[in-house]
Amino acid sequence: MTELRLLEHVLRRDRLVVVVALVAVVTLAWTYLAIGAGMDTEMMAEMPDMEPMPWTPVYAALLFVMWWVMMIAMMVPSAAPTVLLYAAVKHKERAPAAAVEAWVFLAGYLAIWAGFSLVAVLAQWLLEHAGLLSMAMASTSAMLGGVILLAAGLYQFTPLKTACLRYCQSPLLFLSQHWRPGTMGAFGMGLRHGGYCVGCCWFLMALLFVSGVMNLIWIVGIALYVACEKLLPLGRRLSQAAGVALILSGAVALGRGM
């Protein structure tokens, strides 16, 4: 009986550890962004028309960290229900390392967003090389901004967006259809869930090239929208409404750029 009570105590503590750790990760990520993510945000704001920083390996690594931490801050809150449900299932299985496997699941999820961050850094380099981004990492072309807005809006109505959003909105559906046992299974499930989330939200992240990659107002706004789209019952209708708004905004931007 004593051993059983000890095991129950450890399992309850595991769930608390997962919750506290998720809160800590998100808090640290938002704090890093708020203090500038290693960038001179004051100079970027005061002299937005200056030429972008010269690209060096150190600068590229700094940009990668900035993008990845940004994705962690924006996406982990909306992924938390899936991580916690996974931990709860492991708790019911009386897994001795439920918290560890929940962290492995999250590691797989974040690995996918690390890959996305690498692609985002490459896209930023290409846009800067073409002279289409300012010192503030925002589009200098009304045509480019309009195309991104229009494409992001149209993407909201695609079957791929719908399929990915379906799994992101329903942790139970995802876990029931993609459950894999063991630690490697947890990592693979995290990768798969991250893939669905990237498929759902990647075009929304591209909007940061329109407003400015380090524009905190837009970062917070997109993060709140993503959370509402995934967690609220009317998420699909919200997605369609956002699509219409983005298409209209893109059309207006393209009209001004012509």
C-alpha atoms as a PDB file:
ATOM      1  CA  MET A   1       0.000   0.000   0.000  1.00  0.00           C
ATOM      2  CA  THR A   2       2.826   2.367   0.839  1.00  0.00           C
ATOM      3  CA  GLU A   3       4.465   1.747  -2.560  1.00  0.00           C
ATOM      4  CA  LEU A   4       1.132   2.385  -4.322  1.00  0.00           C
ATOM      5  CA  ARG A   5       0.671   5.710  -2.521  1.00  0.00           C
ATOM      6  CA  LEU A   6       4.243   6.685  -3.349  1.00  0.00           C
ATOM      7  CA  LEU A   7       3.646   5.927  -7.035  1.00  0.00           C
ATOM      8  CA  GLU A   8       0.425   7.996  -7.063  1.00  0.00           C
ATOM      9  CA  HIS A   9       2.276  10.887  -5.422  1.00  0.00           C
ATOM     10  CA  VAL A  10       5.020  10.755  -8.049  1.00  0.00           C
ATOM     11  CA  LEU A  11       2.482  10.673 -10.896  1.00  0.00           C
ATOM     12  CA  ARG A  12       0.586  13.681  -9.502  1.00  0.00           C
ATOM     13  CA  ARG A  13       3.878  15.512  -9.136  1.00  0.00           C
ATOM     14  CA  ASP A  14       4.763  14.650 -12.746  1.00  0.00           C
ATOM     15  CA  ARG A  15       1.670  16.447 -14.033  1.00  0.00           C
ATOM     16  CA  LEU A  16       2.496  19.492 -11.932  1.00  0.00           C
ATOM     17  CA  VAL A  17       6.058  19.433 -13.238  1.00  0.00           C
ATOM     18  CA  VAL A  18       4.781  19.438 -16.834  1.00  0.00           C
ATOM     19  CA  VAL A  19       2.461  22.398 -16.198  1.00  0.00           C
ATOM     20  CA  VAL A  20       5.106  24.435 -14.370  1.00  0.00           C
ATOM     21  CA  ALA A  21       7.708  23.660 -17.020  1.00  0.00           C
ATOM     22  CA  LEU A  22       5.403  24.737 -19.864  1.00  0.00           C
ATOM     23  CA  VAL A  23       4.639  28.013 -18.099  1.00  0.00           C
ATOM     24  CA  ALA A  24       8.345  28.587 -17.454  1.00  0.00           C
ATOM     25  CA  VAL A  25       9.326  27.916 -21.083  1.00  0.00           C
ATOM     26  CA  VAL A  26       6.674  30.273 -22.463  1.00  0.00           C
ATOM     27  CA  THR A  27       7.502  32.974 -19.909  1.00  0.00           C
ATOM     28  CA  LEU A  28      11.214  32.826 -20.694  1.00  0.00           C
ATOM     29  CA  ALA A  29      10.524  32.934 -24.441  1.00  0.00           C
ATOM     30  CA  TRP A  30       8.288  36.015 -24.172  1.00  0.00           C
ATOM     31  CA  THR A  31      10.800  37.698 -21.867  1.00  0.00           C
ATOM     32  CA  TYR A  32      13.579  37.108 -24.403  1.00  0.00           C
ATOM     33  CA  LEU A  33      11.454  38.679 -27.135  1.00  0.00           C
ATOM     34  CA  ALA A  34      10.432  41.599 -24.936  1.00  0.00           C
ATOM     35  CA  ILE A  35      14.051  42.549 -24.254  1.00  0.00           C
ATOM     36  CA  GLY A  36      14.867  42.517 -27.953  1.00  0.00           C
ATOM     37  CA  ALA A  37      16.023  38.958 -28.681  1.00  0.00           C
ATOM     38  CA  GLY A  38      19.613  40.115 -28.918  1.00  0.00           C
ATOM     39  CA  MET A  39      18.728  42.793 -31.492  1.00  0.00           C
ATOM     40  CA  ASP A  40      19.212  46.556 -31.236  1.00  0.00           C
ATOM     41  CA  THR A  41      15.491  47.271 -31.432  1.00  0.00           C
ATOM     42  CA  GLU A  42      15.914  50.954 -30.562  1.00  0.00           C
ATOM     43  CA  MET A  43      18.139  51.532 -33.597  1.00  0.00           C
ATOM     44  CA  MET A  44      15.771  49.490 -35.754  1.00  0.00           C
ATOM     45  CA  ALA A  45      12.862  51.694 -34.668  1.00  0.00           C
ATOM     46  CA  GLU A  46      14.738  55.002 -34.975  1.00  0.00           C
ATOM     47  CA  MET A  47      16.372  54.273 -38.342  1.00  0.00           C
ATOM     48  CA  PRO A  48      14.113  51.810 -40.174  1.00  0.00           C
ATOM     49  CA  ASP A  49      15.338  52.968 -43.605  1.00  0.00           C
ATOM     50  CA  MET A  50      18.954  52.020 -42.936  1.00  0.00           C
ATOM     51  CA  GLU A  51      20.521  49.127 -44.784  1.00  0.00           C
ATOM     52  CA  PRO A  52      20.024  45.763 -42.994  1.00  0.00           C
ATOM     53  CA  MET A  53      22.844  44.337 -40.903  1.00  0.00           C
ATOM     54  CA  PRO A  54      25.603  42.539 -42.840  1.00  0.00           C
ATOM     55  CA  TRP A  55      25.191  38.775 -42.734  1.00  0.00           C
ATOM     56  CA  THR A  56      27.781  36.848 -40.740  1.00  0.00           C
ATOM     57  CA  PRO A  57      27.595  33.348 -39.214  1.00  0.00           C
ATOM     58  CA  VAL A  58      27.033  34.921 -35.788  1.00  0.00           C
ATOM     59  CA  TYR A  59      24.235  37.167 -37.096  1.00  0.00           C
ATOM     60  CA  ALA A  60      22.586  34.231 -38.887  1.00  0.00           C
ATOM     61  CA  ALA A  61      22.732  32.145 -35.682  1.00  0.00           C
ATOM     62  CA  LEU A  62      21.249  35.054 -33.719  1.00  0.00           C
ATOM     63  CA  LEU A  63      18.398  35.309 -36.218  1.00  0.00           C
ATOM     64  CA  PHE A  64      17.764  31.565 -35.989  1.00  0.00           C
ATOM     65  CA  VAL A  65      17.539  31.768 -32.192  1.00  0.00           C
ATOM     66  CA  MET A  66      15.242  34.782 -32.505  1.00  0.00           C
ATOM     67  CA  TRP A  67      12.876  32.963 -34.880  1.00  0.00           C
ATOM     68  CA  TRP A  68      12.901  29.736 -32.857  1.00  0.00           C
ATOM     69  CA  VAL A  69      12.246  31.464 -29.532  1.00  0.00           C
ATOM     70  CA  MET A  70       9.501  33.445 -31.246  1.00  0.00           C
ATOM     71  CA  MET A  71       7.875  30.221 -32.437  1.00  0.00           C
ATOM     72  CA  ILE A  72       8.156  28.750 -28.929  1.00  0.00           C
ATOM     73  CA  ALA A  73       6.483  31.826 -27.421  1.00  0.00           C
ATOM     74  CA  MET A  74       3.703  31.865 -30.004  1.00  0.00           C
ATOM     75  CA  MET A  75       2.988  28.157 -30.456  1.00  0.00           C
ATOM     76  CA  VAL A  76       3.597  26.345 -27.153  1.00  0.00           C
ATOM     77  CA  PRO A  77       0.519  27.881 -25.437  1.00  0.00           C
ATOM     78  CA  SER A  78      -1.805  26.498 -28.120  1.00  0.00           C
ATOM     79  CA  ALA A  79       0.029  23.140 -28.087  1.00  0.00           C
ATOM     80  CA  ALA A  80      -0.163  22.863 -24.285  1.00  0.00           C
ATOM     81  CA  PRO A  81      -3.555  21.030 -24.256  1.00  0.00           C
ATOM     82  CA  THR A  82      -2.092  18.247 -26.411  1.00  0.00           C
ATOM     83  CA  VAL A  83       1.041  17.973 -24.261  1.00  0.00           C
ATOM     84  CA  LEU A  84      -1.030  17.883 -21.066  1.00  0.00           C
ATOM     85  CA  LEU A  85      -3.453  15.324 -22.481  1.00  0.00           C
ATOM     86  CA  TYR A  86      -0.489  13.163 -23.485  1.00  0.00           C
ATOM     87  CA  ALA A  87       0.871  13.444 -19.931  1.00  0.00           C
ATOM     88  CA  ALA A  88      -2.579  12.546 -18.544  1.00  0.00           C
ATOM     89  CA  VAL A  89      -2.742   9.400 -20.697  1.00  0.00           C
ATOM     90  CA  LYS A  90       0.713   8.419 -19.494  1.00  0.00           C
ATOM     91  CA  HIS A  91      -0.487   9.049 -15.936  1.00  0.00           C
ATOM     92  CA  LYS A  92      -3.390   6.622 -16.424  1.00  0.00           C
ATOM     93  CA  GLU A  93      -0.944   4.068 -17.789  1.00  0.00           C
ATOM     94  CA  ARG A  94       1.060   4.591 -14.556  1.00  0.00           C
ATOM     95  CA  ALA A  95       4.146   5.276 -16.630  1.00  0.00           C
ATOM     96  CA  PRO A  96       7.069   5.899 -14.249  1.00  0.00           C
ATOM     97  CA  ALA A  97       8.481   8.698 -16.433  1.00  0.00           C
ATOM     98  CA  ALA A  98       5.334  10.466 -17.631  1.00  0.00           C
ATOM     99  CA  ALA A  99       6.870  13.932 -17.249  1.00  0.00           C
ATOM    100  CA  VAL A 100       9.999  12.899 -19.122  1.00  0.00           C
ATOM    101  CA  GLU A 101       8.013  11.479 -22.047  1.00  0.00           C
ATOM    102  CA  ALA A 102       5.823  14.592 -22.120  1.00  0.00           C
ATOM    103  CA  TRP A 103       9.013  16.618 -22.462  1.00  0.00           C
ATOM    104  CA  VAL A 104      10.226  14.315 -25.228  1.00  0.00           C
ATOM    105  CA  PHE A 105       6.896  14.892 -27.007  1.00  0.00           C
ATOM    106  CA  LEU A 106       7.409  18.654 -26.662  1.00  0.00           C
ATOM    107  CA  ALA A 107      11.003  18.328 -27.884  1.00  0.00           C
ATOM    108  CA  GLY A 108       9.762  16.688 -31.080  1.00  0.00           C
ATOM    109  CA  TYR A 109       7.201  19.449 -31.502  1.00  0.00           C
ATOM    110  CA  LEU A 110       9.841  22.154 -31.065  1.00  0.00           C
ATOM    111  CA  ALA A 111      12.261  20.374 -33.410  1.00  0.00           C
ATOM    112  CA  ILE A 112       9.784  20.874 -36.257  1.00  0.00           C
ATOM    113  CA  TRP A 113       9.565  24.580 -35.440  1.00  0.00           C
ATOM    114  CA  ALA A 114      13.363  24.724 -35.376  1.00  0.00           C
ATOM    115  CA  GLY A 115      13.285  23.465 -38.954  1.00  0.00           C
ATOM    116  CA  PHE A 116      10.719  26.122 -39.829  1.00  0.00           C
ATOM    117  CA  SER A 117      12.972  28.740 -38.214  1.00  0.00           C
ATOM    118  CA  LEU A 118      15.861  27.702 -40.460  1.00  0.00           C
ATOM    119  CA  VAL A 119      13.630  28.162 -43.509  1.00  0.00           C
ATOM    120  CA  ALA A 120      12.480  31.545 -42.179  1.00  0.00           C
ATOM    121  CA  VAL A 121      16.084  32.712 -41.770  1.00  0.00           C
ATOM    122  CA  LEU A 122      16.850  31.619 -45.344  1.00  0.00           C
ATOM    123  CA  ALA A 123      13.768  33.481 -46.589  1.00  0.00           C
ATOM    124  CA  GLN A 124      14.864  36.566 -44.663  1.00  0.00           C
ATOM    125  CA  TRP A 125      18.323  36.393 -46.223  1.00  0.00           C
ATOM    126  CA  LEU A 126      16.853  36.098 -49.717  1.00  0.00           C
ATOM    127  CA  LEU A 127      14.473  39.030 -49.154  1.00  0.00           C
ATOM    128  CA  GLU A 128      17.232  41.214 -47.732  1.00  0.00           C
ATOM    129  CA  HIS A 129      19.570  40.243 -50.569  1.00  0.00           C
ATOM    130  CA  ALA A 130      16.847  41.355 -53.007  1.00  0.00           C
ATOM    131  CA  GLY A 131      16.482  44.672 -51.143  1.00  0.00           C
ATOM    132  CA  LEU A 132      12.921  43.911 -50.059  1.00  0.00           C
ATOM    133  CA  LEU A 133      13.416  44.157 -46.264  1.00  0.00           C
ATOM    134  CA  SER A 134      14.293  47.216 -44.202  1.00  0.00           C
ATOM    135  CA  MET A 135      16.490  47.563 -41.134  1.00  0.00           C
ATOM    136  CA  ALA A 136      13.326  46.849 -39.116  1.00  0.00           C
ATOM    137  CA  MET A 137      12.982  43.512 -40.985  1.00  0.00           C
ATOM    138  CA  ALA A 138       9.754  44.722 -42.617  1.00  0.00           C
ATOM    139  CA  SER A 139       8.789  44.676 -46.272  1.00  0.00           C
ATOM    140  CA  THR A 140       9.871  47.719 -48.254  1.00  0.00           C
ATOM    141  CA  SER A 141       7.615  46.741 -51.149  1.00  0.00           C
ATOM    142  CA  ALA A 142       3.857  47.257 -51.179  1.00  0.00           C
ATOM    143  CA  MET A 143       3.660  44.568 -53.851  1.00  0.00           C
ATOM    144  CA  LEU A 144       5.491  42.031 -51.684  1.00  0.00           C
ATOM    145  CA  GLY A 145       3.337  42.880 -48.661  1.00  0.00           C
ATOM    146  CA  GLY A 146       0.182  42.590 -50.734  1.00  0.00           C
ATOM    147  CA  VAL A 147       1.195  39.227 -52.188  1.00  0.00           C
ATOM    148  CA  ILE A 148       1.964  37.813 -48.742  1.00  0.00           C
ATOM    149  CA  LEU A 149      -1.350  39.071 -47.324  1.00  0.00           C
ATOM    150  CA  LEU A 150      -3.311  37.747 -50.304  1.00  0.00           C
ATOM    151  CA  ALA A 151      -1.568  34.360 -50.263  1.00  0.00           C
ATOM    152  CA  ALA A 152      -2.036  34.008 -46.498  1.00  0.00           C
ATOM    153  CA  GLY A 153      -5.732  34.765 -46.901  1.00  0.00           C
ATOM    154  CA  LEU A 154      -6.217  32.269 -49.720  1.00  0.00           C
ATOM    155  CA  TYR A 155      -4.333  29.608 -47.769  1.00  0.00           C
ATOM    156  CA  GLN A 156      -6.970  29.810 -45.025  1.00  0.00           C
ATOM    157  CA  PHE A 157      -9.439  28.155 -47.428  1.00  0.00           C
ATOM    158  CA  THR A 158      -7.215  25.318 -48.668  1.00  0.00           C
ATOM    159  CA  PRO A 159      -7.848  21.635 -47.819  1.00  0.00           C
ATOM    160  CA  LEU A 160      -4.343  21.420 -46.298  1.00  0.00           C
ATOM    161  CA  LYS A 161      -5.149  24.206 -43.843  1.00  0.00           C
ATOM    162  CA  THR A 162      -8.437  22.508 -42.948  1.00  0.00           C
ATOM    163  CA  ALA A 163      -6.829  19.092 -42.417  1.00  0.00           C
ATOM    164  CA  CYS A 164      -3.992  20.464 -40.275  1.00  0.00           C
ATOM    165  CA  LEU A 165      -6.310  22.669 -38.212  1.00  0.00           C
ATOM    166  CA  ARG A 166      -8.546  19.668 -37.507  1.00  0.00           C
ATOM    167  CA  TYR A 167      -5.743  17.837 -35.696  1.00  0.00           C
ATOM    168  CA  CYS A 168      -4.514  20.988 -33.976  1.00  0.00           C
ATOM    169  CA  GLN A 169      -7.998  21.715 -32.624  1.00  0.00           C
ATOM    170  CA  SER A 170      -8.579  18.211 -31.255  1.00  0.00           C
ATOM    171  CA  PRO A 171      -5.793  16.768 -29.071  1.00  0.00           C
ATOM    172  CA  LEU A 172      -7.921  13.667 -28.458  1.00  0.00           C
ATOM    173  CA  LEU A 173      -8.315  13.029 -32.195  1.00  0.00           C
ATOM    174  CA  PHE A 174      -4.601  13.479 -32.764  1.00  0.00           C
ATOM    175  CA  LEU A 175      -3.521  11.179 -29.927  1.00  0.00           C
ATOM    176  CA  SER A 176      -6.068   8.503 -30.787  1.00  0.00           C
ATOM    177  CA  GLN A 177      -4.968   8.326 -34.434  1.00  0.00           C
ATOM    178  CA  HIS A 178      -1.227   8.803 -34.026  1.00  0.00           C
ATOM    179  CA  TRP A 179      -0.384   7.164 -30.699  1.00  0.00           C
ATOM    180  CA  ARG A 180       3.030   5.521 -30.505  1.00  0.00           C
ATOM    181  CA  PRO A 181       4.430   3.821 -27.389  1.00  0.00           C
ATOM    182  CA  GLY A 182       7.746   4.537 -25.734  1.00  0.00           C
ATOM    183  CA  THR A 183      10.155   7.431 -25.691  1.00  0.00           C
ATOM    184  CA  MET A 184      10.892   7.366 -29.421  1.00  0.00           C
ATOM    185  CA  GLY A 185       7.164   7.151 -30.027  1.00  0.00           C
ATOM    186  CA  ALA A 186       6.709  10.300 -27.952  1.00  0.00           C
ATOM    187  CA  PHE A 187       9.322  12.147 -30.014  1.00  0.00           C
ATOM    188  CA  GLY A 188       7.767  10.958 -33.270  1.00  0.00           C
ATOM    189  CA  MET A 189       4.318  12.049 -32.132  1.00  0.00           C
ATOM    190  CA  GLY A 190       5.731  15.453 -31.235  1.00  0.00           C
ATOM    191  CA  LEU A 191       7.262  15.726 -34.699  1.00  0.00           C
ATOM    192  CA  ARG A 192       3.967  14.815 -36.329  1.00  0.00           C
ATOM    193  CA  HIS A 193       1.951  17.240 -34.196  1.00  0.00           C
ATOM    194  CA  GLY A 194       4.483  19.972 -34.933  1.00  0.00           C
ATOM    195  CA  GLY A 195       4.123  19.197 -38.625  1.00  0.00           C
ATOM    196  CA  TYR A 196       0.371  19.716 -38.424  1.00  0.00           C
ATOM    197  CA  CYS A 197       0.868  23.005 -36.587  1.00  0.00           C
ATOM    198  CA  VAL A 198       3.388  24.245 -39.154  1.00  0.00           C
ATOM    199  CA  GLY A 199       0.968  23.272 -41.906  1.00  0.00           C
ATOM    200  CA  CYS A 200      -1.754  25.181 -40.116  1.00  0.00           C
ATOM    201  CA  CYS A 201       0.149  28.363 -39.268  1.00  0.00           C
ATOM    202  CA  TRP A 202       3.209  28.851 -41.481  1.00  0.00           C
ATOM    203  CA  PHE A 203       1.580  31.449 -43.718  1.00  0.00           C
ATOM    204  CA  LEU A 204       0.446  33.417 -40.665  1.00  0.00           C
ATOM    205  CA  MET A 205       4.080  33.584 -39.549  1.00  0.00           C
ATOM    206  CA  ALA A 206       5.014  34.936 -42.986  1.00  0.00           C
ATOM    207  CA  LEU A 207       2.895  37.982 -42.134  1.00  0.00           C
ATOM    208  CA  LEU A 208       5.753  39.089 -39.877  1.00  0.00           C
ATOM    209  CA  PHE A 209       7.701  39.984 -43.016  1.00  0.00           C
ATOM    210  CA  VAL A 210       4.968  42.527 -43.761  1.00  0.00           C
ATOM    211  CA  SER A 211       4.813  44.199 -40.351  1.00  0.00           C
ATOM    212  CA  GLY A 212       8.379  43.674 -39.172  1.00  0.00           C
ATOM    213  CA  VAL A 213       9.787  40.430 -37.803  1.00  0.00           C
ATOM    214  CA  MET A 214      10.386  41.964 -34.358  1.00  0.00           C
ATOM    215  CA  ASN A 215       7.118  43.916 -34.200  1.00  0.00           C
ATOM    216  CA  LEU A 216       5.878  42.797 -30.773  1.00  0.00           C
ATOM    217  CA  ILE A 217       2.332  44.021 -31.383  1.00  0.00           C
ATOM    218  CA  TRP A 218       2.012  41.785 -34.429  1.00  0.00           C
ATOM    219  CA  ILE A 219       3.730  38.892 -32.664  1.00  0.00           C
ATOM    220  CA  VAL A 220       1.270  39.080 -29.777  1.00  0.00           C
ATOM    221  CA  GLY A 221      -1.660  39.537 -32.162  1.00  0.00           C
ATOM    222  CA  ILE A 222      -0.756  36.503 -34.271  1.00  0.00           C
ATOM    223  CA  ALA A 223      -0.131  34.413 -31.131  1.00  0.00           C
ATOM    224  CA  LEU A 224      -3.563  35.320 -29.745  1.00  0.00           C
ATOM    225  CA  TYR A 225      -5.210  34.583 -33.078  1.00  0.00           C
ATOM    226  CA  VAL A 226      -3.498  31.178 -33.320  1.00  0.00           C
ATOM    227  CA  ALA A 227      -4.638  30.311 -29.791  1.00  0.00           C
ATOM    228  CA  CYS A 228      -8.234  31.329 -30.552  1.00  0.00           C
ATOM    229  CA  GLU A 229      -8.250  29.462 -33.868  1.00  0.00           C
ATOM    230  CA  LYS A 230      -7.066  26.249 -32.212  1.00  0.00           C
ATOM    231  CA  LEU A 231      -8.817  26.409 -28.852  1.00  0.00           C
ATOM    232  CA  LEU A 232     -12.215  28.020 -29.504  1.00  0.00           C
ATOM    233  CA  PRO A 233     -15.205  26.005 -30.825  1.00  0.00           C
ATOM    234  CA  LEU A 234     -15.640  28.392 -33.773  1.00  0.00           C
ATOM    235  CA  GLY A 235     -12.021  28.054 -34.851  1.00  0.00           C
ATOM    236  CA  ARG A 236     -12.839  27.089 -38.455  1.00  0.00           C
ATOM    237  CA  ARG A 237     -15.206  30.037 -38.918  1.00  0.00           C
ATOM    238  CA  LEU A 238     -12.605  32.311 -37.371  1.00  0.00           C
ATOM    239  CA  SER A 239     -10.077  30.945 -39.862  1.00  0.00           C
ATOM    240  CA  GLN A 240     -12.378  31.750 -42.765  1.00  0.00           C
ATOM    241  CA  ALA A 241     -13.137  35.232 -41.436  1.00  0.00           C
ATOM    242  CA  ALA A 242      -9.412  35.895 -41.092  1.00  0.00           C
ATOM    243  CA  GLY A 243      -8.936  34.633 -44.641  1.00  0.00           C
ATOM    244  CA  VAL A 244     -11.439  37.129 -45.993  1.00  0.00           C
ATOM    245  CA  ALA A 245      -9.827  39.971 -44.033  1.00  0.00           C
ATOM    246  CA  LEU A 246      -6.354  39.037 -45.278  1.00  0.00           C
ATOM    247  CA  ILE A 247      -7.512  38.776 -48.897  1.00  0.00           C
ATOM    248  CA  LEU A 248      -9.131  42.217 -48.713  1.00  0.00           C
ATOM    249  CA  SER A 249      -6.026  43.688 -47.054  1.00  0.00           C
ATOM    250  CA  GLY A 250      -3.821  42.120 -49.713  1.00  0.00           C
ATOM    251  CA  ALA A 251      -5.993  43.485 -52.500  1.00  0.00           C
ATOM    252  CA  VAL A 252      -5.809  46.993 -51.014  1.00  0.00           C
ATOM    253  CA  ALA A 253      -2.008  46.755 -50.629  1.00  0.00           C
ATOM    254  CA  LEU A 254      -1.609  45.526 -54.201  1.00  0.00           C
ATOM    255  CA  GLY A 255      -3.839  48.314 -55.455  1.00  0.00           C
ATOM    256  CA  ARG A 256      -1.660  50.899 -53.716  1.00  0.00           C
ATOM    257  CA  GLY A 257       1.500  49.319 -55.043  1.00  0.00           C
ATOM    258  CA  MET A 258       0.424  49.502 -58.686  1.00  0.00           C
END
